[in-house]
C-alpha atoms as a PDB file:
ATOM      1  CA  UNK A   1     -17.304   7.563  18.292  1.00  0.00           C
ATOM      2  CA  UNK A   2     -17.871   9.330  14.975  1.00  0.00           C
ATOM      3  CA  UNK A   3     -14.304  10.642  15.034  1.00  0.00           C
ATOM      4  CA  UNK A   4     -13.020   7.083  15.451  1.00  0.00           C
ATOM      5  CA  UNK A   5     -14.848   5.919  12.334  1.00  0.00           C
ATOM      6  CA  UNK A   6     -13.657   8.835  10.237  1.00  0.00           C
ATOM      7  CA  UNK A   7     -10.077   8.353  11.432  1.00  0.00           C
ATOM      8  CA  UNK A   8     -10.286   4.643  10.611  1.00  0.00           C
ATOM      9  CA  UNK A   9     -11.505   5.418   7.094  1.00  0.00           C
ATOM     10  CA  UNK A  10      -8.708   7.930   6.617  1.00  0.00           C
ATOM     11  CA  UNK A  11      -6.044   5.449   7.725  1.00  0.00           C
ATOM     12  CA  UNK A  12      -7.514   2.763   5.446  1.00  0.00           C
ATOM     13  CA  UNK A  13      -7.516   5.128   2.465  1.00  0.00           C
ATOM     14  CA  UNK A  14      -3.914   6.186   3.065  1.00  0.00           C
ATOM     15  CA  UNK A  15      -2.788   2.573   3.493  1.00  0.00           C
ATOM     16  CA  UNK A  16      -4.488   1.581   0.227  1.00  0.00           C
ATOM     17  CA  UNK A  17      -2.861   4.455  -1.682  1.00  0.00           C
ATOM     18  CA  UNK A  18       0.555   3.520  -0.313  1.00  0.00           C
ATOM     19  CA  UNK A  19      -0.001  -0.142  -1.223  1.00  0.00           C
ATOM     20  CA  UNK A  20      -1.025   0.854  -4.761  1.00  0.00           C
ATOM     21  CA  UNK A  21       2.084   2.988  -5.150  1.00  0.00           C
ATOM     22  CA  UNK A  22       4.371   0.289  -3.772  1.00  0.00           C
ATOM     23  CA  UNK A  23       2.835  -2.440  -5.946  1.00  0.00           C
ATOM     24  CA  UNK A  24       3.727  -0.508  -9.086  1.00  0.00           C
ATOM     25  CA  UNK A  25       7.257   0.564  -8.192  1.00  0.00           C
ATOM     26  CA  UNK A  26      10.565  -1.144  -7.641  1.00  0.00           C
ATOM     27  CA  UNK A  27      13.272  -0.334  -5.166  1.00  0.00           C
ATOM     28  CA  UNK A  28      15.983   1.845  -6.734  1.00  0.00           C
ATOM     29  CA  UNK A  29      18.696  -0.013  -4.848  1.00  0.00           C
ATOM     30  CA  UNK A  30      19.774  -3.359  -6.240  1.00  0.00           C
ATOM     31  CA  UNK A  31      20.566  -4.895  -2.880  1.00  0.00           C
ATOM     32  CA  UNK A  32      17.188  -4.525  -1.187  1.00  0.00           C
ATOM     33  CA  UNK A  33      13.715  -5.325  -2.507  1.00  0.00           C
ATOM     34  CA  UNK A  34      11.300  -6.407   0.250  1.00  0.00           C
ATOM     35  CA  UNK A  35       8.855  -9.184  -0.513  1.00  0.00           C
ATOM     36  CA  UNK A  36       5.380  -7.961  -1.310  1.00  0.00           C
ATOM     37  CA  UNK A  37       2.308  -9.789   0.032  1.00  0.00           C
ATOM     38  CA  UNK A  38       0.099 -11.538  -2.546  1.00  0.00           C
ATOM     39  CA  UNK A  39      -2.800  -9.225  -1.757  1.00  0.00           C
ATOM     40  CA  UNK A  40      -0.686  -6.214  -2.747  1.00  0.00           C
ATOM     41  CA  UNK A  41       0.543  -7.935  -5.912  1.00  0.00           C
ATOM     42  CA  UNK A  42      -3.090  -8.104  -7.063  1.00  0.00           C
ATOM     43  CA  UNK A  43      -3.144  -4.290  -7.126  1.00  0.00           C
ATOM     44  CA  UNK A  44      -0.564  -4.101  -9.930  1.00  0.00           C
ATOM     45  CA  UNK A  45      -1.575  -2.218 -13.049  1.00  0.00           C
ATOM     46  CA  UNK A  46       0.521  -4.261 -15.497  1.00  0.00           C
END
């Protein structure tokens, strides 16, 4: 059970870091920019 909790925390931390990175970057291709959820938009630094 302890391994489950630590794995869950790891996955949450990785997901948050990816969301932070994606909130502050734009797609380099003009034709495709996926819509970002409002909760991720709140993580923007600018």
